[in-house]
PDB file of all heavy atoms in Angstrom:
ATOM      1  N   MET A   1       0.857  -1.179   0.005  1.00  0.00           N
ATOM      2  CA  MET A   1      -0.015   0.009   0.003  1.00  0.00           C
ATOM      3  C   MET A   1       0.901   1.232   0.006  1.00  0.00           C
ATOM      4  O   MET A   1       1.679   1.446   0.943  1.00  0.00           O
ATOM      5  CB  MET A   1      -0.944  -0.032   1.249  1.00  0.00           C
ATOM      6  CG  MET A   1      -1.656   1.288   1.463  1.00  0.00           C
ATOM      7  SD  MET A   1      -2.905   1.683   0.209  1.00  0.00           S
ATOM      8  CE  MET A   1      -3.387   3.320   0.714  1.00  0.00           C
ATOM      9  N   LYS A   2       0.880   2.014  -1.075  1.00  0.00           N
ATOM     10  CA  LYS A   2       1.620   3.165  -1.215  1.00  0.00           C
ATOM     11  C   LYS A   2       0.797   4.451  -0.816  1.00  0.00           C
ATOM     12  O   LYS A   2      -0.290   4.535  -1.205  1.00  0.00           O
ATOM     13  CB  LYS A   2       2.254   3.391  -2.528  1.00  0.00           C
ATOM     14  CG  LYS A   2       3.225   2.310  -2.971  1.00  0.00           C
ATOM     15  CD  LYS A   2       3.784   2.575  -4.375  1.00  0.00           C
ATOM     16  CE  LYS A   2       4.864   1.519  -4.688  1.00  0.00           C
ATOM     17  NZ  LYS A   2       5.415   1.716  -6.008  1.00  0.00           N
ATOM     18  N   ILE A   3       1.383   5.277   0.075  1.00  0.00           N
ATOM     19  CA  ILE A   3       0.636   6.402   0.522  1.00  0.00           C
ATOM     20  C   ILE A   3       1.492   7.683   0.392  1.00  0.00           C
ATOM     21  O   ILE A   3       2.713   7.684   0.328  1.00  0.00           O
ATOM     22  CB  ILE A   3       0.183   6.351   1.973  1.00  0.00           C
ATOM     23  CG1 ILE A   3       1.424   6.198   2.938  1.00  0.00           C
ATOM     24  CG2 ILE A   3      -0.722   5.169   2.180  1.00  0.00           C
ATOM     25  CD1 ILE A   3       1.056   6.372   4.383  1.00  0.00           C
ATOM     26  N   SER A   4       0.842   8.821   0.150  1.00  0.00           N
ATOM     27  CA  SER A   4       1.518  10.080   0.048  1.00  0.00           C
ATOM     28  C   SER A   4       1.624  10.705   1.439  1.00  0.00           C
ATOM     29  O   SER A   4       0.623  10.836   2.165  1.00  0.00           O
ATOM     30  CB  SER A   4       0.726  11.016  -0.882  1.00  0.00           C
ATOM     31  OG  SER A   4       0.975  12.380  -0.658  1.00  0.00           O
ATOM     32  N   TYR A   5       2.822  11.222   1.684  1.00  0.00           N
ATOM     33  CA  TYR A   5       3.053  11.862   3.002  1.00  0.00           C
ATOM     34  C   TYR A   5       2.148  13.106   3.151  1.00  0.00           C
ATOM     35  O   TYR A   5       1.514  13.323   4.129  1.00  0.00           O
ATOM     36  CB  TYR A   5       4.544  12.131   3.068  1.00  0.00           C
ATOM     37  CG  TYR A   5       4.950  12.945   4.315  1.00  0.00           C
ATOM     38  CD1 TYR A   5       5.093  12.385   5.569  1.00  0.00           C
ATOM     39  CD2 TYR A   5       5.205  14.347   4.259  1.00  0.00           C
ATOM     40  CE1 TYR A   5       5.533  13.084   6.700  1.00  0.00           C
ATOM     41  CE2 TYR A   5       5.655  15.090   5.348  1.00  0.00           C
ATOM     42  CZ  TYR A   5       5.723  14.428   6.573  1.00  0.00           C
ATOM     43  OH  TYR A   5       6.198  15.176   7.675  1.00  0.00           O
ATOM     44  N   ASN A   6       2.173  13.922   2.112  1.00  0.00           N
ATOM     45  CA  ASN A   6       1.350  15.203   2.178  1.00  0.00           C
ATOM     46  C   ASN A   6      -0.157  14.848   2.254  1.00  0.00           C
ATOM     47  O   ASN A   6      -0.950  15.580   2.910  1.00  0.00           O
ATOM     48  CB  ASN A   6       1.668  16.096   0.970  1.00  0.00           C
ATOM     49  CG  ASN A   6       2.994  16.630   1.047  1.00  0.00           C
ATOM     50  OD1 ASN A   6       3.661  16.685   2.141  1.00  0.00           O
ATOM     51  ND2 ASN A   6       3.589  17.071  -0.103  1.00  0.00           N
ATOM     52  N   TRP A   7      -0.601  13.838   1.479  1.00  0.00           N
ATOM     53  CA  TRP A   7      -1.959  13.431   1.499  1.00  0.00           C
ATOM     54  C   TRP A   7      -2.454  13.033   2.887  1.00  0.00           C
ATOM     55  O   TRP A   7      -3.504  13.397   3.370  1.00  0.00           O
ATOM     56  CB  TRP A   7      -2.169  12.271   0.514  1.00  0.00           C
ATOM     57  CG  TRP A   7      -3.527  11.996   0.163  1.00  0.00           C
ATOM     58  CD1 TRP A   7      -4.724  12.494   0.668  1.00  0.00           C
ATOM     59  CD2 TRP A   7      -3.974  11.023  -0.844  1.00  0.00           C
ATOM     60  NE1 TRP A   7      -5.857  11.943   0.055  1.00  0.00           N
ATOM     61  CE2 TRP A   7      -5.395  11.049  -0.845  1.00  0.00           C
ATOM     62  CE3 TRP A   7      -3.294  10.235  -1.784  1.00  0.00           C
ATOM     63  CZ2 TRP A   7      -6.126  10.222  -1.754  1.00  0.00           C
ATOM     64  CZ3 TRP A   7      -4.021   9.428  -2.628  1.00  0.00           C
ATOM     65  CH2 TRP A   7      -5.458   9.379  -2.568  1.00  0.00           C
ATOM     66  N   LEU A   8      -1.593  12.271   3.535  1.00  0.00           N
ATOM     67  CA  LEU A   8      -1.861  11.792   4.940  1.00  0.00           C
ATOM     68  C   LEU A   8      -2.028  12.916   5.928  1.00  0.00           C
ATOM     69  O   LEU A   8      -2.900  12.924   6.723  1.00  0.00           O
ATOM     70  CB  LEU A   8      -0.760  10.827   5.368  1.00  0.00           C
ATOM     71  CG  LEU A   8      -0.869  10.153   6.735  1.00  0.00           C
ATOM     72  CD1 LEU A   8      -2.128   9.238   6.774  1.00  0.00           C
ATOM     73  CD2 LEU A   8       0.366   9.414   7.104  1.00  0.00           C
ATOM     74  N   LYS A   9      -1.205  13.970   5.754  1.00  0.00           N
ATOM     75  CA  LYS A   9      -1.302  15.076   6.686  1.00  0.00           C
ATOM     76  C   LYS A   9      -2.552  15.874   6.550  1.00  0.00           C
ATOM     77  O   LYS A   9      -2.865  16.664   7.420  1.00  0.00           O
ATOM     78  CB  LYS A   9      -0.049  16.036   6.399  1.00  0.00           C
ATOM     79  CG  LYS A   9       1.309  15.385   6.761  1.00  0.00           C
ATOM     80  CD  LYS A   9       2.432  16.435   6.778  1.00  0.00           C
ATOM     81  CE  LYS A   9       2.313  17.309   7.980  1.00  0.00           C
ATOM     82  NZ  LYS A   9       3.561  18.193   8.168  1.00  0.00           N
ATOM     83  N   GLU A  10      -3.314  15.679   5.472  1.00  0.00           N
ATOM     84  CA  GLU A  10      -4.591  16.350   5.348  1.00  0.00           C
ATOM     85  C   GLU A  10      -5.642  15.819   6.345  1.00  0.00           C
ATOM     86  O   GLU A  10      -6.553  16.599   6.695  1.00  0.00           O
ATOM     87  CB  GLU A  10      -5.139  16.173   3.917  1.00  0.00           C
ATOM     88  CG  GLU A  10      -6.386  16.924   3.626  1.00  0.00           C
ATOM     89  CD  GLU A  10      -6.832  16.737   2.162  1.00  0.00           C
ATOM     90  OE1 GLU A  10      -6.011  16.887   1.234  1.00  0.00           O
ATOM     91  OE2 GLU A  10      -8.041  16.546   1.878  1.00  0.00           O
ATOM     92  N   TYR A  11      -5.472  14.597   6.751  1.00  0.00           N
ATOM     93  CA  TYR A  11      -6.437  13.926   7.658  1.00  0.00           C
ATOM     94  C   TYR A  11      -6.074  13.866   9.109  1.00  0.00           C
ATOM     95  O   TYR A  11      -6.900  13.641   9.984  1.00  0.00           O
ATOM     96  CB  TYR A  11      -6.812  12.572   7.152  1.00  0.00           C
ATOM     97  CG  TYR A  11      -7.147  12.513   5.687  1.00  0.00           C
ATOM     98  CD1 TYR A  11      -6.422  11.763   4.808  1.00  0.00           C
ATOM     99  CD2 TYR A  11      -8.216  13.300   5.203  1.00  0.00           C
ATOM    100  CE1 TYR A  11      -6.723  11.740   3.421  1.00  0.00           C
ATOM    101  CE2 TYR A  11      -8.522  13.326   3.831  1.00  0.00           C
ATOM    102  CZ  TYR A  11      -7.778  12.583   2.957  1.00  0.00           C
ATOM    103  OH  TYR A  11      -8.113  12.569   1.652  1.00  0.00           O
ATOM    104  N   VAL A  12      -4.769  14.052   9.388  1.00  0.00           N
ATOM    105  CA  VAL A  12      -4.386  14.001  10.811  1.00  0.00           C
ATOM    106  C   VAL A  12      -3.214  14.995  10.986  1.00  0.00           C
ATOM    107  O   VAL A  12      -2.281  15.072  10.138  1.00  0.00           O
ATOM    108  CB  VAL A  12      -3.945  12.585  11.192  1.00  0.00           C
ATOM    109  CG1 VAL A  12      -2.839  11.994  10.339  1.00  0.00           C
ATOM    110  CG2 VAL A  12      -3.549  12.523  12.697  1.00  0.00           C
ATOM    111  N   ASN A  13      -3.229  15.746  12.045  1.00  0.00           N
ATOM    112  CA  ASN A  13      -2.250  16.811  12.307  1.00  0.00           C
ATOM    113  C   ASN A  13      -1.033  16.147  13.042  1.00  0.00           C
ATOM    114  O   ASN A  13      -1.188  15.751  14.213  1.00  0.00           O
ATOM    115  CB  ASN A  13      -2.815  17.897  13.113  1.00  0.00           C
ATOM    116  CG  ASN A  13      -1.900  19.099  13.162  1.00  0.00           C
ATOM    117  OD1 ASN A  13      -1.018  19.282  12.387  1.00  0.00           O
ATOM    118  ND2 ASN A  13      -2.109  19.952  14.179  1.00  0.00           N
ATOM    119  N   PHE A  14       0.110  16.097  12.432  1.00  0.00           N
ATOM    120  CA  PHE A  14       1.266  15.522  13.104  1.00  0.00           C
ATOM    121  C   PHE A  14       2.518  16.297  12.615  1.00  0.00           C
ATOM    122  O   PHE A  14       2.501  16.969  11.555  1.00  0.00           O
ATOM    123  CB  PHE A  14       1.451  14.051  12.899  1.00  0.00           C
ATOM    124  CG  PHE A  14       1.633  13.679  11.429  1.00  0.00           C
ATOM    125  CD1 PHE A  14       2.928  13.565  10.825  1.00  0.00           C
ATOM    126  CD2 PHE A  14       0.582  13.320  10.601  1.00  0.00           C
ATOM    127  CE1 PHE A  14       3.104  13.223   9.545  1.00  0.00           C
ATOM    128  CE2 PHE A  14       0.731  12.987   9.334  1.00  0.00           C
ATOM    129  CZ  PHE A  14       2.006  12.950   8.757  1.00  0.00           C
ATOM    130  N   TYR A  15       3.555  16.266  13.416  1.00  0.00           N
ATOM    131  CA  TYR A  15       4.857  16.922  13.083  1.00  0.00           C
ATOM    132  C   TYR A  15       6.014  15.992  12.983  1.00  0.00           C
ATOM    133  O   TYR A  15       7.150  16.286  13.429  1.00  0.00           O
ATOM    134  CB  TYR A  15       5.098  18.037  14.232  1.00  0.00           C
ATOM    135  CG  TYR A  15       4.005  19.016  14.236  1.00  0.00           C
ATOM    136  CD1 TYR A  15       2.997  18.887  15.233  1.00  0.00           C
ATOM    137  CD2 TYR A  15       3.958  20.066  13.351  1.00  0.00           C
ATOM    138  CE1 TYR A  15       1.910  19.803  15.280  1.00  0.00           C
ATOM    139  CE2 TYR A  15       2.872  20.977  13.404  1.00  0.00           C
ATOM    140  CZ  TYR A  15       1.894  20.877  14.443  1.00  0.00           C
ATOM    141  OH  TYR A  15       0.918  21.819  14.476  1.00  0.00           O
ATOM    142  N   LEU A  16       5.779  14.823  12.385  1.00  0.00           N
ATOM    143  CA  LEU A  16       6.807  13.805  12.231  1.00  0.00           C
ATOM    144  C   LEU A  16       7.425  13.912  10.839  1.00  0.00           C
ATOM    145  O   LEU A  16       6.682  14.157   9.832  1.00  0.00           O
ATOM    146  CB  LEU A  16       6.265  12.424  12.404  1.00  0.00           C
ATOM    147  CG  LEU A  16       5.600  12.114  13.791  1.00  0.00           C
ATOM    148  CD1 LEU A  16       4.858  10.744  13.659  1.00  0.00           C
ATOM    149  CD2 LEU A  16       6.627  12.126  14.885  1.00  0.00           C
ATOM    150  N   SER A  17       8.714  13.752  10.735  1.00  0.00           N
ATOM    151  CA  SER A  17       9.326  13.681   9.433  1.00  0.00           C
ATOM    152  C   SER A  17       8.939  12.399   8.762  1.00  0.00           C
ATOM    153  O   SER A  17       8.427  11.459   9.404  1.00  0.00           O
ATOM    154  CB  SER A  17      10.853  13.791   9.514  1.00  0.00           C
ATOM    155  OG  SER A  17      11.309  12.550  10.159  1.00  0.00           O
ATOM    156  N   PRO A  18       9.101  12.249   7.412  1.00  0.00           N
ATOM    157  CA  PRO A  18       8.781  10.941   6.826  1.00  0.00           C
ATOM    158  C   PRO A  18       9.430   9.736   7.463  1.00  0.00           C
ATOM    159  O   PRO A  18       8.803   8.685   7.625  1.00  0.00           O
ATOM    160  CB  PRO A  18       9.233  11.155   5.339  1.00  0.00           C
ATOM    161  CG  PRO A  18       9.121  12.614   5.120  1.00  0.00           C
ATOM    162  CD  PRO A  18       9.542  13.283   6.455  1.00  0.00           C
ATOM    163  N   GLN A  19      10.707   9.903   7.873  1.00  0.00           N
ATOM    164  CA  GLN A  19      11.435   8.769   8.481  1.00  0.00           C
ATOM    165  C   GLN A  19      10.816   8.519   9.854  1.00  0.00           C
ATOM    166  O   GLN A  19      10.656   7.360  10.334  1.00  0.00           O
ATOM    167  CB  GLN A  19      12.909   9.051   8.577  1.00  0.00           C
ATOM    168  CG  GLN A  19      13.706   7.907   9.075  1.00  0.00           C
ATOM    169  CD  GLN A  19      13.612   6.678   8.332  1.00  0.00           C
ATOM    170  OE1 GLN A  19      13.874   6.673   7.102  1.00  0.00           O
ATOM    171  NE2 GLN A  19      13.183   5.567   8.861  1.00  0.00           N
ATOM    172  N   GLU A  20      10.547   9.553  10.608  1.00  0.00           N
ATOM    173  CA  GLU A  20      10.041   9.377  11.952  1.00  0.00           C
ATOM    174  C   GLU A  20       8.608   8.716  11.916  1.00  0.00           C
ATOM    175  O   GLU A  20       8.237   7.862  12.679  1.00  0.00           O
ATOM    176  CB  GLU A  20       9.840  10.792  12.663  1.00  0.00           C
ATOM    177  CG  GLU A  20      11.229  11.288  13.150  1.00  0.00           C
ATOM    178  CD  GLU A  20      11.136  12.751  13.673  1.00  0.00           C
ATOM    179  OE1 GLU A  20      10.191  13.447  13.232  1.00  0.00           O
ATOM    180  OE2 GLU A  20      11.976  13.141  14.395  1.00  0.00           O
ATOM    181  N   LEU A  21       7.787   9.114  10.866  1.00  0.00           N
ATOM    182  CA  LEU A  21       6.494   8.524  10.621  1.00  0.00           C
ATOM    183  C   LEU A  21       6.706   7.113  10.300  1.00  0.00           C
ATOM    184  O   LEU A  21       5.860   6.256  10.810  1.00  0.00           O
ATOM    185  CB  LEU A  21       5.835   9.280   9.500  1.00  0.00           C
ATOM    186  CG  LEU A  21       4.461   8.714   9.024  1.00  0.00           C
ATOM    187  CD1 LEU A  21       3.427   8.733  10.118  1.00  0.00           C
ATOM    188  CD2 LEU A  21       3.943   9.438   7.801  1.00  0.00           C
ATOM    189  N   ALA A  22       7.630   6.752   9.435  1.00  0.00           N
ATOM    190  CA  ALA A  22       7.831   5.317   9.094  1.00  0.00           C
ATOM    191  C   ALA A  22       8.185   4.511  10.254  1.00  0.00           C
ATOM    192  O   ALA A  22       7.778   3.433  10.455  1.00  0.00           O
ATOM    193  CB  ALA A  22       8.935   5.315   8.027  1.00  0.00           C
ATOM    194  N   ASP A  23       9.033   5.046  11.156  1.00  0.00           N
ATOM    195  CA  ASP A  23       9.395   4.331  12.353  1.00  0.00           C
ATOM    196  C   ASP A  23       8.211   4.102  13.322  1.00  0.00           C
ATOM    197  O   ASP A  23       8.051   2.988  13.845  1.00  0.00           O
ATOM    198  CB  ASP A  23      10.499   5.105  13.114  1.00  0.00           C
ATOM    199  CG  ASP A  23      11.831   5.119  12.361  1.00  0.00           C
ATOM    200  OD1 ASP A  23      12.025   4.292  11.518  1.00  0.00           O
ATOM    201  OD2 ASP A  23      12.635   6.070  12.623  1.00  0.00           O
ATOM    202  N   LYS A  24       7.320   5.132  13.481  1.00  0.00           N
ATOM    203  CA  LYS A  24       6.201   4.996  14.294  1.00  0.00           C
ATOM    204  C   LYS A  24       5.226   3.940  13.777  1.00  0.00           C
ATOM    205  O   LYS A  24       4.730   3.106  14.542  1.00  0.00           O
ATOM    206  CB  LYS A  24       5.480   6.329  14.438  1.00  0.00           C
ATOM    207  CG  LYS A  24       6.210   7.411  15.099  1.00  0.00           C
ATOM    208  CD  LYS A  24       6.224   7.188  16.594  1.00  0.00           C
ATOM    209  CE  LYS A  24       6.840   8.398  17.356  1.00  0.00           C
ATOM    210  NZ  LYS A  24       6.856   8.226  18.854  1.00  0.00           N
ATOM    211  N   LEU A  25       5.059   3.953  12.438  1.00  0.00           N
ATOM    212  CA  LEU A  25       4.116   2.988  11.884  1.00  0.00           C
ATOM    213  C   LEU A  25       4.671   1.606  11.981  1.00  0.00           C
ATOM    214  O   LEU A  25       3.902   0.657  12.230  1.00  0.00           O
ATOM    215  CB  LEU A  25       3.845   3.386  10.373  1.00  0.00           C
ATOM    216  CG  LEU A  25       3.009   4.604  10.089  1.00  0.00           C
ATOM    217  CD1 LEU A  25       2.926   4.918   8.625  1.00  0.00           C
ATOM    218  CD2 LEU A  25       1.552   4.339  10.620  1.00  0.00           C
ATOM    219  N   THR A  26       5.966   1.439  11.755  1.00  0.00           N
ATOM    220  CA  THR A  26       6.593   0.153  11.883  1.00  0.00           C
ATOM    221  C   THR A  26       6.472  -0.426  13.269  1.00  0.00           C
ATOM    222  O   THR A  26       6.187  -1.627  13.456  1.00  0.00           O
ATOM    223  CB  THR A  26       8.131   0.218  11.454  1.00  0.00           C
ATOM    224  OG1 THR A  26       8.214   0.665  10.064  1.00  0.00           O
ATOM    225  CG2 THR A  26       8.742  -1.138  11.599  1.00  0.00           C
ATOM    226  N   ASN A  27       6.539   0.435  14.281  1.00  0.00           N
ATOM    227  CA  ASN A  27       6.475   0.005  15.638  1.00  0.00           C
ATOM    228  C   ASN A  27       5.119  -0.501  16.029  1.00  0.00           C
ATOM    229  O   ASN A  27       4.976  -1.234  17.009  1.00  0.00           O
ATOM    230  CB  ASN A  27       6.911   1.168  16.611  1.00  0.00           C
ATOM    231  CG  ASN A  27       8.416   1.387  16.557  1.00  0.00           C
ATOM    232  OD1 ASN A  27       9.185   0.587  16.153  1.00  0.00           O
ATOM    233  ND2 ASN A  27       8.834   2.621  16.920  1.00  0.00           N
ATOM    234  N   VAL A  28       4.073  -0.055  15.305  1.00  0.00           N
ATOM    235  CA  VAL A  28       2.727  -0.488  15.673  1.00  0.00           C
ATOM    236  C   VAL A  28       2.215  -1.617  14.670  1.00  0.00           C
ATOM    237  O   VAL A  28       1.056  -1.876  14.696  1.00  0.00           O
ATOM    238  CB  VAL A  28       1.693   0.691  15.698  1.00  0.00           C
ATOM    239  CG1 VAL A  28       2.058   1.669  16.719  1.00  0.00           C
ATOM    240  CG2 VAL A  28       1.591   1.389  14.300  1.00  0.00           C
ATOM    241  N   GLY A  29       3.169  -2.102  13.934  1.00  0.00           N
ATOM    242  CA  GLY A  29       2.834  -3.277  13.122  1.00  0.00           C
ATOM    243  C   GLY A  29       2.568  -3.001  11.619  1.00  0.00           C
ATOM    244  O   GLY A  29       2.336  -3.989  10.864  1.00  0.00           O
ATOM    245  N   LEU A  30       2.694  -1.737  11.200  1.00  0.00           N
ATOM    246  CA  LEU A  30       2.514  -1.393   9.772  1.00  0.00           C
ATOM    247  C   LEU A  30       3.983  -1.096   9.214  1.00  0.00           C
ATOM    248  O   LEU A  30       4.320   0.069   9.251  1.00  0.00           O
ATOM    249  CB  LEU A  30       1.565  -0.193   9.612  1.00  0.00           C
ATOM    250  CG  LEU A  30       0.120  -0.496   9.970  1.00  0.00           C
ATOM    251  CD1 LEU A  30      -0.641   0.834   9.963  1.00  0.00           C
ATOM    252  CD2 LEU A  30      -0.526  -1.496   8.977  1.00  0.00           C
ATOM    253  N   VAL A  31       4.612  -2.111   8.815  1.00  0.00           N
ATOM    254  CA  VAL A  31       6.070  -1.984   8.412  1.00  0.00           C
ATOM    255  C   VAL A  31       6.132  -1.071   7.190  1.00  0.00           C
ATOM    256  O   VAL A  31       5.468  -1.388   6.180  1.00  0.00           O
ATOM    257  CB  VAL A  31       6.694  -3.287   8.132  1.00  0.00           C
ATOM    258  CG1 VAL A  31       8.137  -3.129   7.737  1.00  0.00           C
ATOM    259  CG2 VAL A  31       6.610  -4.176   9.442  1.00  0.00           C
ATOM    260  N   VAL A  32       6.955  -0.027   7.224  1.00  0.00           N
ATOM    261  CA  VAL A  32       7.179   0.802   6.039  1.00  0.00           C
ATOM    262  C   VAL A  32       8.473   0.309   5.429  1.00  0.00           C
ATOM    263  O   VAL A  32       9.569   0.423   5.925  1.00  0.00           O
ATOM    264  CB  VAL A  32       7.380   2.308   6.467  1.00  0.00           C
ATOM    265  CG1 VAL A  32       7.656   3.156   5.262  1.00  0.00           C
ATOM    266  CG2 VAL A  32       6.064   2.770   7.089  1.00  0.00           C
ATOM    267  N   ALA A  33       8.322  -0.323   4.186  1.00  0.00           N
ATOM    268  CA  ALA A  33       9.415  -0.943   3.539  1.00  0.00           C
ATOM    269  C   ALA A  33      10.366  -0.003   2.846  1.00  0.00           C
ATOM    270  O   ALA A  33      11.511  -0.247   2.634  1.00  0.00           O
ATOM    271  CB  ALA A  33       8.932  -1.994   2.537  1.00  0.00           C
ATOM    272  N   ASP A  34       9.729   1.188   2.385  1.00  0.00           N
ATOM    273  CA  ASP A  34      10.589   2.091   1.563  1.00  0.00           C
ATOM    274  C   ASP A  34       9.985   3.507   1.656  1.00  0.00           C
ATOM    275  O   ASP A  34       8.756   3.651   1.796  1.00  0.00           O
ATOM    276  CB  ASP A  34      10.609   1.580   0.134  1.00  0.00           C
ATOM    277  CG  ASP A  34      11.606   2.341  -0.740  1.00  0.00           C
ATOM    278  OD1 ASP A  34      12.610   2.819  -0.149  1.00  0.00           O
ATOM    279  OD2 ASP A  34      11.371   2.482  -1.965  1.00  0.00           O
ATOM    280  N   ILE A  35      10.865   4.475   1.515  1.00  0.00           N
ATOM    281  CA  ILE A  35      10.437   5.867   1.446  1.00  0.00           C
ATOM    282  C   ILE A  35      11.126   6.508   0.201  1.00  0.00           C
ATOM    283  O   ILE A  35      12.366   6.403   0.069  1.00  0.00           O
ATOM    284  CB  ILE A  35      10.851   6.655   2.717  1.00  0.00           C
ATOM    285  CG1 ILE A  35      10.290   5.992   3.972  1.00  0.00           C
ATOM    286  CG2 ILE A  35      10.349   8.144   2.569  1.00  0.00           C
ATOM    287  CD1 ILE A  35      10.737   6.671   5.225  1.00  0.00           C
ATOM    288  N   GLN A  36      10.323   7.044  -0.692  1.00  0.00           N
ATOM    289  CA  GLN A  36      10.908   7.626  -1.884  1.00  0.00           C
ATOM    290  C   GLN A  36      10.401   9.071  -2.091  1.00  0.00           C
ATOM    291  O   GLN A  36       9.200   9.330  -1.964  1.00  0.00           O
ATOM    292  CB  GLN A  36      10.496   6.803  -3.137  1.00  0.00           C
ATOM    293  CG  GLN A  36      11.093   5.429  -3.239  1.00  0.00           C
ATOM    294  CD  GLN A  36      12.596   5.514  -3.506  1.00  0.00           C
ATOM    295  OE1 GLN A  36      13.145   6.515  -4.031  1.00  0.00           O
ATOM    296  NE2 GLN A  36      13.310   4.429  -3.098  1.00  0.00           N
ATOM    297  N   PRO A  37      11.305  10.015  -2.348  1.00  0.00           N
ATOM    298  CA  PRO A  37      10.930  11.391  -2.566  1.00  0.00           C
ATOM    299  C   PRO A  37      10.243  11.516  -3.982  1.00  0.00           C
ATOM    300  O   PRO A  37      10.744  10.914  -4.884  1.00  0.00           O
ATOM    301  CB  PRO A  37      12.207  12.230  -2.472  1.00  0.00           C
ATOM    302  CG  PRO A  37      13.277  11.160  -2.818  1.00  0.00           C
ATOM    303  CD  PRO A  37      12.795   9.889  -2.249  1.00  0.00           C
ATOM    304  N   VAL A  38       9.080  12.204  -4.047  1.00  0.00           N
ATOM    305  CA  VAL A  38       8.442  12.412  -5.338  1.00  0.00           C
ATOM    306  C   VAL A  38       8.052  13.880  -5.391  1.00  0.00           C
ATOM    307  O   VAL A  38       7.144  14.349  -4.734  1.00  0.00           O
ATOM    308  CB  VAL A  38       7.095  11.530  -5.467  1.00  0.00           C
ATOM    309  CG1 VAL A  38       6.466  11.784  -6.753  1.00  0.00           C
ATOM    310  CG2 VAL A  38       7.426  10.059  -5.227  1.00  0.00           C
ATOM    311  N   GLU A  39       8.889  14.621  -6.176  1.00  0.00           N
ATOM    312  CA  GLU A  39       8.707  16.061  -6.319  1.00  0.00           C
ATOM    313  C   GLU A  39       8.720  16.744  -4.928  1.00  0.00           C
ATOM    314  O   GLU A  39       9.684  16.544  -4.170  1.00  0.00           O
ATOM    315  CB  GLU A  39       7.395  16.400  -7.094  1.00  0.00           C
ATOM    316  CG  GLU A  39       7.446  15.924  -8.529  1.00  0.00           C
ATOM    317  CD  GLU A  39       6.186  16.300  -9.266  1.00  0.00           C
ATOM    318  OE1 GLU A  39       5.308  17.031  -8.728  1.00  0.00           O
ATOM    319  OE2 GLU A  39       6.077  15.885 -10.438  1.00  0.00           O
ATOM    320  N   ASP A  40       7.683  17.409  -4.467  1.00  0.00           N
ATOM    321  CA  ASP A  40       7.657  18.002  -3.183  1.00  0.00           C
ATOM    322  C   ASP A  40       6.958  17.119  -2.069  1.00  0.00           C
ATOM    323  O   ASP A  40       6.519  17.620  -1.059  1.00  0.00           O
ATOM    324  CB  ASP A  40       6.947  19.383  -3.226  1.00  0.00           C
ATOM    325  CG  ASP A  40       5.523  19.261  -3.719  1.00  0.00           C
ATOM    326  OD1 ASP A  40       5.184  18.190  -4.197  1.00  0.00           O
ATOM    327  OD2 ASP A  40       4.723  20.237  -3.532  1.00  0.00           O
ATOM    328  N   ASP A  41       6.866  15.911  -2.372  1.00  0.00           N
ATOM    329  CA  ASP A  41       6.186  14.904  -1.519  1.00  0.00           C
ATOM    330  C   ASP A  41       7.032  13.669  -1.257  1.00  0.00           C
ATOM    331  O   ASP A  41       8.182  13.587  -1.758  1.00  0.00           O
ATOM    332  CB  ASP A  41       4.835  14.433  -2.222  1.00  0.00           C
ATOM    333  CG  ASP A  41       3.874  13.922  -1.223  1.00  0.00           C
ATOM    334  OD1 ASP A  41       4.180  13.709  -0.035  1.00  0.00           O
ATOM    335  OD2 ASP A  41       2.725  13.660  -1.712  1.00  0.00           O
ATOM    336  N   PHE A  42       6.522  12.744  -0.482  1.00  0.00           N
ATOM    337  CA  PHE A  42       7.242  11.480  -0.230  1.00  0.00           C
ATOM    338  C   PHE A  42       6.234  10.348  -0.345  1.00  0.00           C
ATOM    339  O   PHE A  42       5.050  10.469   0.060  1.00  0.00           O
ATOM    340  CB  PHE A  42       7.825  11.394   1.130  1.00  0.00           C
ATOM    341  CG  PHE A  42       9.020  12.404   1.371  1.00  0.00           C
ATOM    342  CD1 PHE A  42       8.721  13.688   1.840  1.00  0.00           C
ATOM    343  CD2 PHE A  42      10.249  11.994   1.131  1.00  0.00           C
ATOM    344  CE1 PHE A  42       9.813  14.566   1.999  1.00  0.00           C
ATOM    345  CE2 PHE A  42      11.353  12.906   1.277  1.00  0.00           C
ATOM    346  CZ  PHE A  42      11.094  14.159   1.758  1.00  0.00           C
ATOM    347  N   CYS A  43       6.690   9.294  -0.988  1.00  0.00           N
ATOM    348  CA  CYS A  43       5.830   8.072  -1.090  1.00  0.00           C
ATOM    349  C   CYS A  43       6.308   6.963  -0.081  1.00  0.00           C
ATOM    350  O   CYS A  43       7.494   6.588  -0.168  1.00  0.00           O
ATOM    351  CB  CYS A  43       5.883   7.497  -2.510  1.00  0.00           C
ATOM    352  SG  CYS A  43       4.993   6.011  -2.793  1.00  0.00           S
ATOM    353  N   LEU A  44       5.419   6.614   0.805  1.00  0.00           N
ATOM    354  CA  LEU A  44       5.700   5.546   1.765  1.00  0.00           C
ATOM    355  C   LEU A  44       5.119   4.247   1.351  1.00  0.00           C
ATOM    356  O   LEU A  44       3.907   4.151   1.108  1.00  0.00           O
ATOM    357  CB  LEU A  44       5.202   5.919   3.154  1.00  0.00           C
ATOM    358  CG  LEU A  44       6.084   6.968   3.909  1.00  0.00           C
ATOM    359  CD1 LEU A  44       5.930   8.345   3.328  1.00  0.00           C
ATOM    360  CD2 LEU A  44       5.620   6.975   5.418  1.00  0.00           C
ATOM    361  N   ASP A  45       5.901   3.200   1.220  1.00  0.00           N
ATOM    362  CA  ASP A  45       5.427   1.875   0.880  1.00  0.00           C
ATOM    363  C   ASP A  45       5.173   1.120   2.133  1.00  0.00           C
ATOM    364  O   ASP A  45       6.093   0.619   2.806  1.00  0.00           O
ATOM    365  CB  ASP A  45       6.424   1.162  -0.011  1.00  0.00           C
ATOM    366  CG  ASP A  45       5.868  -0.111  -0.685  1.00  0.00           C
ATOM    367  OD1 ASP A  45       4.703  -0.453  -0.339  1.00  0.00           O
ATOM    368  OD2 ASP A  45       6.534  -0.744  -1.479  1.00  0.00           O
ATOM    369  N   VAL A  46       3.899   0.928   2.536  1.00  0.00           N
ATOM    370  CA  VAL A  46       3.524   0.326   3.767  1.00  0.00           C
ATOM    371  C   VAL A  46       3.087  -1.148   3.538  1.00  0.00           C
ATOM    372  O   VAL A  46       2.262  -1.387   2.670  1.00  0.00           O
ATOM    373  CB  VAL A  46       2.320   1.083   4.462  1.00  0.00           C
ATOM    374  CG1 VAL A  46       2.041   0.443   5.879  1.00  0.00           C
ATOM    375  CG2 VAL A  46       2.706   2.559   4.639  1.00  0.00           C
TER     376      VAL A  46
END
């Protein structure tokens, strides 16, 4: 499941960097396998 970092921020207010967000999701069981920059956004592969 690929998600947009900026898209996600539209629905929940948080101040985590893409890497910090990936670490948090991984710790609760949603492993983030990859983070790729896409223009002014980031794509997280969950």
